[in-house]
Protein backbone atom coordinates (compact mmCIF):
# COMPACT_ATOMS: atom_id res chain seq x y z
CA MET A 1 158.62 93.51 151.93
CA ALA A 2 159.14 92.04 155.38
CA ASP A 3 162.88 92.66 155.11
CA SER A 4 162.36 96.33 154.32
CA LEU A 5 159.91 96.69 157.23
CA LEU A 6 162.42 95.06 159.56
CA ALA A 7 165.16 97.36 158.29
CA LEU A 8 162.87 100.37 158.75
CA THR A 9 162.04 99.27 162.30
CA GLN A 10 165.72 98.88 163.17
CA LEU A 11 166.49 102.23 161.58
CA THR A 12 163.79 104.04 163.58
CA GLU A 13 164.89 102.34 166.81
CA ALA A 14 168.43 103.51 166.13
CA ALA A 15 167.17 107.04 165.45
CA GLN A 16 165.01 106.99 168.62
CA ILE A 17 161.93 108.47 166.92
CA ASP A 18 159.32 109.14 169.60
CA ASN A 19 157.32 111.81 167.78
CA PRO A 20 154.21 110.24 166.17
CA TRP A 21 154.06 113.01 163.55
CA SER A 22 157.37 111.86 162.12
CA TRP A 23 155.68 108.51 161.39
CA VAL A 24 152.90 110.34 159.53
CA VAL A 25 155.42 112.34 157.51
CA ALA A 26 157.47 109.21 156.78
CA GLY A 27 154.31 107.36 155.69
CA TYR A 28 153.21 110.12 153.35
CA THR A 29 156.75 110.42 151.95
CA ILE A 30 156.90 106.69 151.20
CA VAL A 31 153.39 106.56 149.69
CA TYR A 32 153.76 109.67 147.53
CA GLY A 33 157.31 108.73 146.55
CA ALA A 34 156.10 105.32 145.41
CA MET A 35 153.18 106.87 143.50
CA PHE A 36 155.32 109.45 141.72
CA GLY A 37 158.02 106.88 141.02
CA LEU A 38 155.53 104.44 139.53
CA THR A 39 153.84 107.18 137.52
CA GLY A 40 157.17 108.37 136.15
CA TRP A 41 158.23 104.83 135.27
CA LEU A 42 154.90 104.17 133.50
CA TRP A 43 155.16 107.49 131.64
CA ILE A 44 158.63 106.62 130.35
CA ARG A 45 157.59 103.09 129.35
CA LEU A 46 154.48 104.31 127.52
CA SER A 47 156.39 107.05 125.70
CA ARG A 48 158.98 104.48 124.55
CA ILE A 49 156.23 102.15 123.31
CA GLN A 50 154.55 105.07 121.53
CA ARG A 51 157.85 106.05 119.90
CA GLN A 52 158.37 102.47 118.67
CA LEU A 53 154.84 102.40 117.25
CA ASP A 54 155.50 105.70 115.47
CA ASP A 55 158.76 104.34 114.05
CA ASP A 56 157.05 101.17 112.82
CA ALA A 57 154.27 103.08 111.10
């Protein structure tokens, strides 16, 4: 986690982001991206488990 934060800090310094709204947009993008990614992953896992249960029955 610390490594990714350090990389993000270096990236933003390189990009010279001075606009605070870009931080807000980046934050929302990361949060919602993580939520949708996790939800999608869970959905796929649960559907696979359900399919295995159906096959076993």
